[in-house]
C-alpha atoms as a PDB file:
ATOM      1  CA  MET A   1    -212.821 -13.099 -87.425  1.00  0.00           C
ATOM      2  CA  GLN A   2    -215.063 -13.853 -90.918  1.00  0.00           C
ATOM      3  CA  LYS A   3    -212.318 -16.224 -91.867  1.00  0.00           C
ATOM      4  CA  ASP A   4    -211.990 -18.439 -88.833  1.00  0.00           C
ATOM      5  CA  THR A   5    -215.216 -19.281 -87.455  1.00  0.00           C
ATOM      6  CA  PRO A   6    -215.636 -22.219 -89.777  1.00  0.00           C
ATOM      7  CA  THR A   7    -213.361 -23.432 -88.613  1.00  0.00           C
ATOM      8  CA  HIS A   8    -213.414 -23.217 -85.515  1.00  0.00           C
ATOM      9  CA  ASN A   9    -217.102 -24.047 -85.284  1.00  0.00           C
ATOM     10  CA  HIS A  10    -215.820 -27.732 -86.826  1.00  0.00           C
ATOM     11  CA  SER A  11    -212.877 -28.808 -84.328  1.00  0.00           C
ATOM     12  CA  VAL A  12    -215.759 -27.254 -82.109  1.00  0.00           C
ATOM     13  CA  GLY A  13    -218.111 -29.970 -82.866  1.00  0.00           C
ATOM     14  CA  VAL A  14    -215.573 -32.223 -83.592  1.00  0.00           C
ATOM     15  CA  SER A  15    -213.913 -32.807 -80.206  1.00  0.00           C
ATOM     16  CA  PHE A  16    -217.966 -32.632 -78.613  1.00  0.00           C
ATOM     17  CA  PHE A  17    -218.600 -35.594 -81.140  1.00  0.00           C
ATOM     18  CA  CYS A  18    -215.988 -36.915 -79.823  1.00  0.00           C
ATOM     19  CA  LEU A  19    -216.850 -36.677 -75.627  1.00  0.00           C
ATOM     20  CA  ARG A  20    -219.706 -37.800 -77.077  1.00  0.00           C
ATOM     21  CA  ARG A  21    -219.167 -40.253 -78.284  1.00  0.00           C
ATOM     22  CA  LYS A  22    -216.436 -41.703 -75.289  1.00  0.00           C
ATOM     23  CA  LYS A  23    -219.191 -41.098 -73.406  1.00  0.00           C
ATOM     24  CA  LEU A  24    -221.616 -43.547 -74.749  1.00  0.00           C
ATOM     25  CA  TRP A  25    -218.745 -45.938 -75.384  1.00  0.00           C
ATOM     26  CA  GLY A  26    -218.237 -45.582 -71.218  1.00  0.00           C
ATOM     27  CA  LYS A  27    -221.467 -46.497 -70.683  1.00  0.00           C
ATOM     28  CA  ARG A  28    -221.865 -49.092 -72.333  1.00  0.00           C
ATOM     29  CA  TYR A  29    -218.648 -50.687 -70.959  1.00  0.00           C
ATOM     30  CA  LEU A  30    -219.893 -50.419 -67.515  1.00  0.00           C
ATOM     31  CA  LEU A  31    -223.110 -52.411 -68.724  1.00  0.00           C
ATOM     32  CA  GLN A  32    -221.355 -55.137 -70.218  1.00  0.00           C
ATOM     33  CA  LYS A  33    -219.220 -54.344 -67.331  1.00  0.00           C
ATOM     34  CA  ASN A  34    -221.759 -54.831 -65.033  1.00  0.00           C
ATOM     35  CA  GLN A  35    -224.321 -57.426 -65.317  1.00  0.00           C
ATOM     36  CA  LYS A  36    -222.067 -59.267 -68.092  1.00  0.00           C
ATOM     37  CA  TRP A  37    -224.733 -58.986 -70.942  1.00  0.00           C
ATOM     38  CA  PRO A  38    -222.710 -59.229 -74.558  1.00  0.00           C
ATOM     39  CA  MET A  39    -222.734 -56.024 -76.657  1.00  0.00           C
ATOM     40  CA  LYS A  40    -225.387 -54.601 -78.365  1.00  0.00           C
ATOM     41  CA  LEU A  41    -225.093 -51.735 -80.175  1.00  0.00           C
END
């Protein structure tokens, strides 16, 4: 159990990060589409 905890935590963190990034990009894309603004980072 001690051995596979780090890899499990890592994969969960990575998937969570990817999800969050996807959500952020989706929001940004919708804003750009709705208001026709140039994308600003």
